[in-house]
PDB file of N, CA and C in Angstrom:
ATOM      1  N   UNK A   1     -89.542  -6.928  52.393  1.00  0.00           N
ATOM      2  CA  UNK A   1     -89.124  -7.280  50.784  1.00  0.00           C
ATOM      3  C   UNK A   1     -90.190  -7.484  49.820  1.00  0.00           C
ATOM      4  N   UNK A   2     -90.204  -6.849  48.620  1.00  0.00           N
ATOM      5  CA  UNK A   2     -91.198  -7.100  47.112  1.00  0.00           C
ATOM      6  C   UNK A   2     -91.096  -8.250  46.690  1.00  0.00           C
ATOM      7  N   UNK A   3     -91.714  -7.672  45.366  1.00  0.00           N
ATOM      8  CA  UNK A   3     -91.658  -8.606  44.471  1.00  0.00           C
ATOM      9  C   UNK A   3     -90.860  -8.070  43.589  1.00  0.00           C
ATOM     10  N   UNK A   4     -90.207  -9.148  42.710  1.00  0.00           N
ATOM     11  CA  UNK A   4     -89.121  -8.561  41.613  1.00  0.00           C
ATOM     12  C   UNK A   4     -89.621  -9.101  40.339  1.00  0.00           C
ATOM     13  N   UNK A   5     -89.365  -8.354  39.166  1.00  0.00           N
ATOM     14  CA  UNK A   5     -89.348  -8.884  37.758  1.00  0.00           C
ATOM     15  C   UNK A   5     -87.647  -8.876  37.543  1.00  0.00           C
ATOM     16  N   UNK A   6     -87.799  -9.784  36.944  1.00  0.00           N
ATOM     17  CA  UNK A   6     -85.953 -10.153  36.226  1.00  0.00           C
ATOM     18  C   UNK A   6     -86.190 -10.443  35.341  1.00  0.00           C
ATOM     19  N   UNK A   7     -85.536  -9.728  34.392  1.00  0.00           N
ATOM     20  CA  UNK A   7     -85.560  -9.977  32.962  1.00  0.00           C
ATOM     21  C   UNK A   7     -83.715 -10.284  32.240  1.00  0.00           C
ATOM     22  N   UNK A   8     -83.618 -11.347  31.685  1.00  0.00           N
ATOM     23  CA  UNK A   8     -82.558 -11.362  31.608  1.00  0.00           C
ATOM     24  C   UNK A   8     -81.945 -11.436  29.786  1.00  0.00           C
ATOM     25  N   UNK A   9     -80.788 -11.070  29.531  1.00  0.00           N
ATOM     26  CA  UNK A   9     -80.517 -11.146  27.922  1.00  0.00           C
ATOM     27  C   UNK A   9     -79.082 -10.914  27.467  1.00  0.00           C
ATOM     28  N   UNK A  10     -79.160 -11.311  26.630  1.00  0.00           N
ATOM     29  CA  UNK A  10     -77.828 -10.836  25.904  1.00  0.00           C
ATOM     30  C   UNK A  10     -77.871  -9.894  24.746  1.00  0.00           C
ATOM     31  N   UNK A  11     -76.772  -8.768  24.578  1.00  0.00           N
ATOM     32  CA  UNK A  11     -76.990  -7.880  23.901  1.00  0.00           C
ATOM     33  C   UNK A  11     -76.429  -8.341  22.357  1.00  0.00           C
ATOM     34  N   UNK A  12     -76.861  -8.474  21.378  1.00  0.00           N
ATOM     35  CA  UNK A  12     -76.175  -8.621  20.277  1.00  0.00           C
ATOM     36  C   UNK A  12     -74.907  -8.421  20.183  1.00  0.00           C
ATOM     37  N   UNK A  13     -74.274  -9.305  19.587  1.00  0.00           N
ATOM     38  CA  UNK A  13     -72.684  -8.911  19.487  1.00  0.00           C
ATOM     39  C   UNK A  13     -72.506  -7.406  18.356  1.00  0.00           C
ATOM     40  N   UNK A  14     -73.170  -7.568  17.098  1.00  0.00           N
ATOM     41  CA  UNK A  14     -73.151  -6.315  16.421  1.00  0.00           C
ATOM     42  C   UNK A  14     -73.433  -5.223  17.054  1.00  0.00           C
ATOM     43  N   UNK A  15     -74.741  -5.599  18.128  1.00  0.00           N
ATOM     44  CA  UNK A  15     -75.063  -3.934  18.652  1.00  0.00           C
ATOM     45  C   UNK A  15     -74.743  -3.697  19.870  1.00  0.00           C
ATOM     46  N   UNK A  16     -73.420  -4.555  20.305  1.00  0.00           N
ATOM     47  CA  UNK A  16     -72.951  -3.702  21.571  1.00  0.00           C
ATOM     48  C   UNK A  16     -72.670  -2.534  21.826  1.00  0.00           C
ATOM     49  N   UNK A  17     -72.035  -1.556  20.969  1.00  0.00           N
ATOM     50  CA  UNK A  17     -71.712  -0.521  21.092  1.00  0.00           C
ATOM     51  C   UNK A  17     -72.890   0.641  20.935  1.00  0.00           C
ATOM     52  N   UNK A  18     -73.764  -0.159  20.738  1.00  0.00           N
ATOM     53  CA  UNK A  18     -75.142   1.084  20.782  1.00  0.00           C
ATOM     54  C   UNK A  18     -75.714   0.542  22.034  1.00  0.00           C
ATOM     55  N   UNK A  19     -75.643  -0.345  22.865  1.00  0.00           N
ATOM     56  CA  UNK A  19     -76.475  -0.575  24.503  1.00  0.00           C
ATOM     57  C   UNK A  19     -75.807   0.612  25.248  1.00  0.00           C
ATOM     58  N   UNK A  20     -75.008   0.976  25.158  1.00  0.00           N
ATOM     59  CA  UNK A  20     -74.548   1.715  26.607  1.00  0.00           C
ATOM     60  C   UNK A  20     -75.536   3.345  26.211  1.00  0.00           C
ATOM     61  N   UNK A  21     -75.069   3.843  25.103  1.00  0.00           N
ATOM     62  CA  UNK A  21     -76.101   4.965  24.658  1.00  0.00           C
ATOM     63  C   UNK A  21     -77.570   4.714  24.965  1.00  0.00           C
ATOM     64  N   UNK A  22     -78.021   3.414  24.473  1.00  0.00           N
ATOM     65  CA  UNK A  22     -79.584   3.407  25.020  1.00  0.00           C
ATOM     66  C   UNK A  22     -79.898   3.036  26.245  1.00  0.00           C
ATOM     67  N   UNK A  23     -78.901   2.531  27.007  1.00  0.00           N
ATOM     68  CA  UNK A  23     -79.176   2.228  28.699  1.00  0.00           C
ATOM     69  C   UNK A  23     -79.251   3.746  28.954  1.00  0.00           C
ATOM     70  N   UNK A  24     -78.204   4.559  29.058  1.00  0.00           N
ATOM     71  CA  UNK A  24     -78.137   5.975  28.909  1.00  0.00           C
ATOM     72  C   UNK A  24     -79.578   6.825  28.544  1.00  0.00           C
ATOM     73  N   UNK A  25     -79.703   6.481  27.847  1.00  0.00           N
ATOM     74  CA  UNK A  25     -81.190   7.188  27.411  1.00  0.00           C
ATOM     75  C   UNK A  25     -82.581   6.745  28.450  1.00  0.00           C
ATOM     76  N   UNK A  26     -82.304   5.510  28.592  1.00  0.00           N
ATOM     77  CA  UNK A  26     -83.390   5.001  29.715  1.00  0.00           C
ATOM     78  C   UNK A  26     -83.093   6.046  30.867  1.00  0.00           C
ATOM     79  N   UNK A  27     -81.852   5.830  31.497  1.00  0.00           N
ATOM     80  CA  UNK A  27     -81.841   6.055  32.930  1.00  0.00           C
ATOM     81  C   UNK A  27     -81.941   7.684  32.885  1.00  0.00           C
ATOM     82  N   UNK A  28     -81.661   8.602  31.929  1.00  0.00           N
ATOM     83  CA  UNK A  28     -82.105   9.980  32.075  1.00  0.00           C
ATOM     84  C   UNK A  28     -83.595  10.296  31.680  1.00  0.00           C
ATOM     85  N   UNK A  29     -84.565   9.248  31.111  1.00  0.00           N
ATOM     86  CA  UNK A  29     -86.011   9.038  30.984  1.00  0.00           C
ATOM     87  C   UNK A  29     -86.323   9.053  32.320  1.00  0.00           C
ATOM     88  N   UNK A  30     -86.203   7.847  32.832  1.00  0.00           N
ATOM     89  CA  UNK A  30     -86.141   7.847  34.326  1.00  0.00           C
ATOM     90  C   UNK A  30     -85.896   8.579  35.195  1.00  0.00           C
ATOM     91  N   UNK A  31     -84.745   9.272  35.401  1.00  0.00           N
ATOM     92  CA  UNK A  31     -84.786  10.264  36.020  1.00  0.00           C
ATOM     93  C   UNK A  31     -85.550  11.136  35.812  1.00  0.00           C
ATOM     94  N   UNK A  32     -85.911  11.901  34.594  1.00  0.00           N
ATOM     95  CA  UNK A  32     -86.665  13.518  34.702  1.00  0.00           C
ATOM     96  C   UNK A  32     -87.924  13.129  34.283  1.00  0.00           C
ATOM     97  N   UNK A  33     -88.359  11.795  34.240  1.00  0.00           N
ATOM     98  CA  UNK A  33     -90.136  11.498  34.359  1.00  0.00           C
ATOM     99  C   UNK A  33     -90.332  10.516  35.867  1.00  0.00           C
ATOM    100  N   UNK A  34     -90.221  10.955  37.231  1.00  0.00           N
ATOM    101  CA  UNK A  34     -90.100  10.481  38.254  1.00  0.00           C
ATOM    102  C   UNK A  34     -91.767   9.767  38.523  1.00  0.00           C
ATOM    103  N   UNK A  35     -92.447  10.508  38.071  1.00  0.00           N
ATOM    104  CA  UNK A  35     -94.188  10.388  38.041  1.00  0.00           C
ATOM    105  C   UNK A  35     -94.446   9.122  37.695  1.00  0.00           C
ATOM    106  N   UNK A  36     -94.073   8.742  36.344  1.00  0.00           N
ATOM    107  CA  UNK A  36     -93.857   7.745  35.625  1.00  0.00           C
ATOM    108  C   UNK A  36     -93.492   6.557  36.345  1.00  0.00           C
ATOM    109  N   UNK A  37     -92.484   6.930  37.310  1.00  0.00           N
ATOM    110  CA  UNK A  37     -91.363   5.608  38.068  1.00  0.00           C
ATOM    111  C   UNK A  37     -92.344   5.273  39.308  1.00  0.00           C
ATOM    112  N   UNK A  38     -93.554   6.511  39.998  1.00  0.00           N
ATOM    113  CA  UNK A  38     -93.515   6.116  41.204  1.00  0.00           C
ATOM    114  C   UNK A  38     -94.291   5.212  41.480  1.00  0.00           C
ATOM    115  N   UNK A  39     -93.391   4.702  42.821  1.00  0.00           N
ATOM    116  CA  UNK A  39     -94.084   3.177  42.954  1.00  0.00           C
ATOM    117  C   UNK A  39     -93.098   2.133  43.077  1.00  0.00           C
ATOM    118  N   UNK A  40     -92.019   2.139  41.838  1.00  0.00           N
ATOM    119  CA  UNK A  40     -90.957   1.299  41.828  1.00  0.00           C
ATOM    120  C   UNK A  40     -89.981   1.688  43.096  1.00  0.00           C
ATOM    121  N   UNK A  41     -89.632   0.071  43.485  1.00  0.00           N
ATOM    122  CA  UNK A  41     -89.390   0.498  45.000  1.00  0.00           C
ATOM    123  C   UNK A  41     -87.830   0.636  44.343  1.00  0.00           C
ATOM    124  N   UNK A  42     -86.995  -0.234  43.496  1.00  0.00           N
ATOM    125  CA  UNK A  42     -85.723  -0.149  43.115  1.00  0.00           C
ATOM    126  C   UNK A  42     -85.552  -0.607  41.612  1.00  0.00           C
ATOM    127  N   UNK A  43     -84.733  -0.371  41.112  1.00  0.00           N
ATOM    128  CA  UNK A  43     -84.381  -0.840  39.646  1.00  0.00           C
ATOM    129  C   UNK A  43     -82.651  -1.305  39.824  1.00  0.00           C
ATOM    130  N   UNK A  44     -82.101  -2.323  39.275  1.00  0.00           N
ATOM    131  CA  UNK A  44     -80.731  -2.577  39.386  1.00  0.00           C
ATOM    132  C   UNK A  44     -80.598  -3.231  37.602  1.00  0.00           C
ATOM    133  N   UNK A  45     -79.364  -3.485  37.186  1.00  0.00           N
ATOM    134  CA  UNK A  45     -78.775  -4.047  36.268  1.00  0.00           C
ATOM    135  C   UNK A  45     -77.342  -4.020  36.691  1.00  0.00           C
ATOM    136  N   UNK A  46     -77.267  -5.640  36.364  1.00  0.00           N
ATOM    137  CA  UNK A  46     -76.317  -6.328  36.308  1.00  0.00           C
ATOM    138  C   UNK A  46     -76.038  -7.237  35.252  1.00  0.00           C
ATOM    139  N   UNK A  47     -74.330  -7.159  35.030  1.00  0.00           N
ATOM    140  CA  UNK A  47     -73.761  -7.848  34.281  1.00  0.00           C
ATOM    141  C   UNK A  47     -72.835  -9.412  34.535  1.00  0.00           C
ATOM    142  N   UNK A  48     -73.601 -10.425  34.384  1.00  0.00           N
ATOM    143  CA  UNK A  48     -72.701 -11.648  34.526  1.00  0.00           C
ATOM    144  C   UNK A  48     -71.533 -11.601  33.579  1.00  0.00           C
ATOM    145  N   UNK A  49     -70.684 -12.088  34.764  1.00  0.00           N
ATOM    146  CA  UNK A  49     -69.454 -11.694  34.097  1.00  0.00           C
ATOM    147  C   UNK A  49     -67.899 -13.401  33.751  1.00  0.00           C
ATOM    148  N   UNK A  50     -69.114 -14.477  34.438  1.00  0.00           N
ATOM    149  CA  UNK A  50     -68.334 -15.268  34.930  1.00  0.00           C
ATOM    150  C   UNK A  50     -69.550 -16.294  35.025  1.00  0.00           C
ATOM    151  N   UNK A  51     -69.496 -17.667  34.276  1.00  0.00           N
ATOM    152  CA  UNK A  51     -70.450 -18.493  34.728  1.00  0.00           C
ATOM    153  C   UNK A  51     -71.421 -18.448  33.539  1.00  0.00           C
ATOM    154  N   UNK A  52     -72.347 -19.891  33.106  1.00  0.00           N
ATOM    155  CA  UNK A  52     -73.580 -19.846  32.231  1.00  0.00           C
ATOM    156  C   UNK A  52     -73.126 -19.186  30.903  1.00  0.00           C
ATOM    157  N   UNK A  53     -74.093 -17.978  30.963  1.00  0.00           N
ATOM    158  CA  UNK A  53     -73.795 -17.165  29.792  1.00  0.00           C
ATOM    159  C   UNK A  53     -73.268 -16.085  29.701  1.00  0.00           C
ATOM    160  N   UNK A  54     -71.891 -15.793  29.284  1.00  0.00           N
ATOM    161  CA  UNK A  54     -71.060 -14.926  29.760  1.00  0.00           C
ATOM    162  C   UNK A  54     -71.639 -13.865  28.984  1.00  0.00           C
ATOM    163  N   UNK A  55     -71.672 -12.387  29.820  1.00  0.00           N
ATOM    164  CA  UNK A  55     -71.915 -11.090  29.268  1.00  0.00           C
ATOM    165  C   UNK A  55     -73.491 -10.832  29.301  1.00  0.00           C
ATOM    166  N   UNK A  56     -74.173 -11.980  30.222  1.00  0.00           N
ATOM    167  CA  UNK A  56     -75.791 -11.740  30.444  1.00  0.00           C
ATOM    168  C   UNK A  56     -75.923 -10.917  30.980  1.00  0.00           C
ATOM    169  N   UNK A  57     -76.935  -9.753  30.741  1.00  0.00           N
ATOM    170  CA  UNK A  57     -77.448  -8.843  31.395  1.00  0.00           C
ATOM    171  C   UNK A  57     -78.688  -9.347  32.561  1.00  0.00           C
ATOM    172  N   UNK A  58     -78.597  -8.923  33.651  1.00  0.00           N
ATOM    173  CA  UNK A  58     -79.916  -9.779  34.489  1.00  0.00           C
ATOM    174  C   UNK A  58     -80.573  -7.884  35.073  1.00  0.00           C
ATOM    175  N   UNK A  59     -81.554  -7.533  34.803  1.00  0.00           N
ATOM    176  CA  UNK A  59     -82.130  -6.275  35.182  1.00  0.00           C
ATOM    177  C   UNK A  59     -83.402  -6.788  36.399  1.00  0.00           C
ATOM    178  N   UNK A  60     -83.207  -6.012  37.486  1.00  0.00           N
ATOM    179  CA  UNK A  60     -84.319  -6.444  38.769  1.00  0.00           C
ATOM    180  C   UNK A  60     -84.810  -5.037  38.885  1.00  0.00           C
ATOM    181  N   UNK A  61     -86.293  -5.498  38.684  1.00  0.00           N
ATOM    182  CA  UNK A  61     -87.536  -4.259  39.050  1.00  0.00           C
ATOM    183  C   UNK A  61     -88.115  -4.682  40.438  1.00  0.00           C
ATOM    184  N   UNK A  62     -87.879  -3.745  41.473  1.00  0.00           N
ATOM    185  CA  UNK A  62     -88.398  -4.056  42.652  1.00  0.00           C
ATOM    186  C   UNK A  62     -89.943  -3.662  42.622  1.00  0.00           C
ATOM    187  N   UNK A  63     -90.529  -3.906  43.220  1.00  0.00           N
ATOM    188  CA  UNK A  63     -91.968  -3.394  43.675  1.00  0.00           C
ATOM    189  C   UNK A  63     -92.700  -3.794  44.966  1.00  0.00           C
ATOM    190  N   UNK A  64     -93.672  -3.344  45.277  1.00  0.00           N
ATOM    191  CA  UNK A  64     -94.063  -3.886  46.819  1.00  0.00           C
ATOM    192  C   UNK A  64     -94.993  -4.864  47.097  1.00  0.00           C
ATOM    193  N   UNK A  65     -95.524  -5.172  45.537  1.00  0.00           N
ATOM    194  CA  UNK A  65     -96.786  -6.230  45.909  1.00  0.00           C
ATOM    195  C   UNK A  65     -96.859  -6.331  44.108  1.00  0.00           C
ATOM    196  N   UNK A  66     -97.880  -7.898  43.715  1.00  0.00           N
ATOM    197  CA  UNK A  66     -97.291  -8.301  42.151  1.00  0.00           C
ATOM    198  C   UNK A  66     -98.486  -6.981  41.850  1.00  0.00           C
ATOM    199  N   UNK A  67     -99.860  -6.875  42.794  1.00  0.00           N
ATOM    200  CA  UNK A  67    -101.052  -5.716  42.102  1.00  0.00           C
ATOM    201  C   UNK A  67    -100.075  -4.655  41.552  1.00  0.00           C
ATOM    202  N   UNK A  68     -98.857  -3.678  42.468  1.00  0.00           N
ATOM    203  CA  UNK A  68     -98.024  -2.811  42.308  1.00  0.00           C
ATOM    204  C   UNK A  68     -97.286  -2.906  41.130  1.00  0.00           C
ATOM    205  N   UNK A  69     -96.614  -4.075  40.846  1.00  0.00           N
ATOM    206  CA  UNK A  69     -96.265  -4.493  39.739  1.00  0.00           C
ATOM    207  C   UNK A  69     -96.758  -4.397  38.136  1.00  0.00           C
ATOM    208  N   UNK A  70     -97.810  -4.910  38.298  1.00  0.00           N
ATOM    209  CA  UNK A  70     -98.774  -4.841  37.222  1.00  0.00           C
ATOM    210  C   UNK A  70     -99.234  -3.162  36.738  1.00  0.00           C
ATOM    211  N   UNK A  71     -99.305  -2.672  37.893  1.00  0.00           N
ATOM    212  CA  UNK A  71     -99.645  -1.257  37.554  1.00  0.00           C
ATOM    213  C   UNK A  71     -98.854  -0.344  37.155  1.00  0.00           C
ATOM    214  N   UNK A  72     -97.866  -0.653  37.929  1.00  0.00           N
ATOM    215  CA  UNK A  72     -96.469   0.397  37.763  1.00  0.00           C
ATOM    216  C   UNK A  72     -96.040  -0.054  36.149  1.00  0.00           C
ATOM    217  N   UNK A  73     -95.682  -0.992  35.816  1.00  0.00           N
ATOM    218  CA  UNK A  73     -95.538  -1.496  34.348  1.00  0.00           C
ATOM    219  C   UNK A  73     -96.803  -1.188  33.395  1.00  0.00           C
ATOM    220  N   UNK A  74     -97.847  -1.445  33.865  1.00  0.00           N
ATOM    221  CA  UNK A  74     -98.894  -0.944  32.598  1.00  0.00           C
ATOM    222  C   UNK A  74     -98.202   0.810  32.432  1.00  0.00           C
ATOM    223  N   UNK A  75     -98.349   1.337  33.632  1.00  0.00           N
ATOM    224  CA  UNK A  75     -98.276   2.772  33.236  1.00  0.00           C
ATOM    225  C   UNK A  75     -97.042   3.107  32.549  1.00  0.00           C
ATOM    226  N   UNK A  76     -95.648   2.249  33.224  1.00  0.00           N
ATOM    227  CA  UNK A  76     -94.475   2.695  32.646  1.00  0.00           C
ATOM    228  C   UNK A  76     -94.542   2.374  30.887  1.00  0.00           C
ATOM    229  N   UNK A  77     -95.307   1.235  30.786  1.00  0.00           N
ATOM    230  CA  UNK A  77     -94.737   0.895  29.149  1.00  0.00           C
ATOM    231  C   UNK A  77     -96.213   1.086  28.248  1.00  0.00           C
ATOM    232  N   UNK A  78     -97.220   1.845  28.467  1.00  0.00           N
ATOM    233  CA  UNK A  78     -97.964   2.586  28.241  1.00  0.00           C
ATOM    234  C   UNK A  78     -97.485   4.076  27.472  1.00  0.00           C
ATOM    235  N   UNK A  79     -96.742   4.548  28.102  1.00  0.00           N
ATOM    236  CA  UNK A  79     -96.122   5.903  28.322  1.00  0.00           C
ATOM    237  C   UNK A  79     -95.041   6.050  26.775  1.00  0.00           C
ATOM    238  N   UNK A  80     -95.919   6.962  25.728  1.00  0.00           N
ATOM    239  CA  UNK A  80     -95.072   7.320  24.357  1.00  0.00           C
ATOM    240  C   UNK A  80     -93.563   6.968  24.710  1.00  0.00           C
ATOM    241  N   UNK A  81     -92.670   7.537  25.388  1.00  0.00           N
ATOM    242  CA  UNK A  81     -91.401   7.657  25.524  1.00  0.00           C
ATOM    243  C   UNK A  81     -91.174   6.320  25.596  1.00  0.00           C
ATOM    244  N   UNK A  82     -91.337   5.622  26.484  1.00  0.00           N
ATOM    245  CA  UNK A  82     -91.101   4.317  26.938  1.00  0.00           C
ATOM    246  C   UNK A  82     -91.332   3.077  26.058  1.00  0.00           C
ATOM    247  N   UNK A  83     -92.658   3.771  25.515  1.00  0.00           N
ATOM    248  CA  UNK A  83     -92.598   2.390  23.873  1.00  0.00           C
ATOM    249  C   UNK A  83     -91.550   2.503  22.812  1.00  0.00           C
ATOM    250  N   UNK A  84     -90.750   3.786  22.995  1.00  0.00           N
ATOM    251  CA  UNK A  84     -89.826   4.189  22.048  1.00  0.00           C
ATOM    252  C   UNK A  84     -88.744   3.515  22.507  1.00  0.00           C
ATOM    253  N   UNK A  85     -88.291   3.927  23.649  1.00  0.00           N
ATOM    254  CA  UNK A  85     -87.104   3.010  24.487  1.00  0.00           C
ATOM    255  C   UNK A  85     -87.458   1.773  24.292  1.00  0.00           C
ATOM    256  N   UNK A  86     -88.385   1.093  24.324  1.00  0.00           N
ATOM    257  CA  UNK A  86     -88.453  -0.218  24.682  1.00  0.00           C
ATOM    258  C   UNK A  86     -88.110  -0.875  23.193  1.00  0.00           C
ATOM    259  N   UNK A  87     -88.998  -0.433  22.119  1.00  0.00           N
ATOM    260  CA  UNK A  87     -88.678  -0.685  20.860  1.00  0.00           C
ATOM    261  C   UNK A  87     -87.412  -0.980  20.784  1.00  0.00           C
ATOM    262  N   UNK A  88     -86.759   0.363  20.408  1.00  0.00           N
ATOM    263  CA  UNK A  88     -84.962   0.459  20.623  1.00  0.00           C
ATOM    264  C   UNK A  88     -84.209  -0.871  21.291  1.00  0.00           C
ATOM    265  N   UNK A  89     -84.402  -0.651  22.404  1.00  0.00           N
ATOM    266  CA  UNK A  89     -83.884  -1.707  23.389  1.00  0.00           C
ATOM    267  C   UNK A  89     -84.343  -3.576  22.754  1.00  0.00           C
ATOM    268  N   UNK A  90     -84.880  -3.653  22.108  1.00  0.00           N
ATOM    269  CA  UNK A  90     -85.661  -5.138  21.592  1.00  0.00           C
ATOM    270  C   UNK A  90     -84.939  -4.968  20.414  1.00  0.00           C
ATOM    271  N   UNK A  91     -84.462  -4.071  19.624  1.00  0.00           N
ATOM    272  CA  UNK A  91     -83.517  -4.628  18.773  1.00  0.00           C
ATOM    273  C   UNK A  91     -81.790  -4.733  18.754  1.00  0.00           C
ATOM    274  N   UNK A  92     -81.691  -4.577  19.978  1.00  0.00           N
ATOM    275  CA  UNK A  92     -80.132  -4.537  20.631  1.00  0.00           C
ATOM    276  C   UNK A  92     -80.182  -6.282  21.540  1.00  0.00           C
ATOM    277  N   UNK A  93     -81.147  -6.853  21.826  1.00  0.00           N
ATOM    278  CA  UNK A  93     -81.057  -8.079  22.396  1.00  0.00           C
ATOM    279  C   UNK A  93     -81.546  -9.050  21.620  1.00  0.00           C
ATOM    280  N   UNK A  94     -80.562 -10.241  21.234  1.00  0.00           N
ATOM    281  CA  UNK A  94     -80.674 -11.344  21.240  1.00  0.00           C
ATOM    282  C   UNK A  94     -82.167 -12.300  21.631  1.00  0.00           C
ATOM    283  N   UNK A  95     -83.078 -12.141  20.699  1.00  0.00           N
ATOM    284  CA  UNK A  95     -84.229 -12.705  21.457  1.00  0.00           C
ATOM    285  C   UNK A  95     -84.420 -14.219  21.853  1.00  0.00           C
ATOM    286  N   UNK A  96     -83.784 -14.932  21.440  1.00  0.00           N
ATOM    287  CA  UNK A  96     -83.949 -16.120  22.272  1.00  0.00           C
ATOM    288  C   UNK A  96     -82.999 -16.307  23.216  1.00  0.00           C
ATOM    289  N   UNK A  97     -82.139 -15.468  24.013  1.00  0.00           N
ATOM    290  CA  UNK A  97     -81.859 -14.976  25.507  1.00  0.00           C
ATOM    291  C   UNK A  97     -82.405 -14.109  26.270  1.00  0.00           C
ATOM    292  N   UNK A  98     -83.921 -13.389  25.835  1.00  0.00           N
ATOM    293  CA  UNK A  98     -84.685 -12.860  26.543  1.00  0.00           C
ATOM    294  C   UNK A  98     -85.326 -13.556  27.428  1.00  0.00           C
ATOM    295  N   UNK A  99     -85.515 -13.154  28.434  1.00  0.00           N
ATOM    296  CA  UNK A  99     -86.267 -14.193  29.651  1.00  0.00           C
ATOM    297  C   UNK A  99     -86.825 -13.039  30.491  1.00  0.00           C
ATOM    298  N   UNK A 100     -88.388 -13.237  31.381  1.00  0.00           N
ATOM    299  CA  UNK A 100     -88.506 -12.501  32.388  1.00  0.00           C
ATOM    300  C   UNK A 100     -89.122 -13.513  33.429  1.00  0.00           C
ATOM    301  N   UNK A 101     -89.040 -13.015  34.592  1.00  0.00           N
ATOM    302  CA  UNK A 101     -89.561 -13.801  35.484  1.00  0.00           C
ATOM    303  C   UNK A 101     -90.155 -13.095  36.440  1.00  0.00           C
ATOM    304  N   UNK A 102     -90.751 -13.664  37.510  1.00  0.00           N
ATOM    305  CA  UNK A 102     -91.272 -12.780  38.959  1.00  0.00           C
ATOM    306  C   UNK A 102     -90.943 -13.506  40.101  1.00  0.00           C
ATOM    307  N   UNK A 103     -90.048 -12.983  40.836  1.00  0.00           N
ATOM    308  CA  UNK A 103     -89.624 -13.541  41.729  1.00  0.00           C
ATOM    309  C   UNK A 103     -89.813 -12.661  43.179  1.00  0.00           C
ATOM    310  N   UNK A 104     -90.334 -13.706  43.958  1.00  0.00           N
ATOM    311  CA  UNK A 104     -91.395 -13.573  45.584  1.00  0.00           C
ATOM    312  C   UNK A 104     -90.337 -14.123  46.545  1.00  0.00           C
ATOM    313  N   UNK A 105     -89.825 -13.236  47.775  1.00  0.00           N
ATOM    314  CA  UNK A 105     -89.025 -13.305  48.811  1.00  0.00           C
ATOM    315  C   UNK A 105     -89.470 -14.463  49.509  1.00  0.00           C
ATOM    316  N   UNK A 106     -88.408 -15.682  49.588  1.00  0.00           N
ATOM    317  CA  UNK A 106     -88.872 -16.798  50.813  1.00  0.00           C
ATOM    318  C   UNK A 106     -88.618 -16.864  52.398  1.00  0.00           C
ATOM    319  N   UNK A 107     -87.140 -16.503  52.552  1.00  0.00           N
ATOM    320  CA  UNK A 107     -86.717 -16.127  53.654  1.00  0.00           C
ATOM    321  C   UNK A 107     -85.884 -14.733  53.823  1.00  0.00           C
TER     322      UNK A 107
END
């Protein structure tokens, strides 16, 4: 089991209709640029339906090691297409809810 970068966020209420098209753009980009995402073990997006903050999204990026996380995310987010996608994404998210964490396995 590797290292996880876990981001949580809530989409602004007035931007909810724009979120799924933006997500689909990211998924298409990820699929059509496999070399850019080489080394990423897995990526998942979950939505919290009940408890704490309802409607919160949990994004999980899995890597083999912390060094891989650093190298691969640097490569991904230096790409011009991903810069544009990331910039658009941040316009949809309530910045007060955005959190980024690194998790490592214990047992």
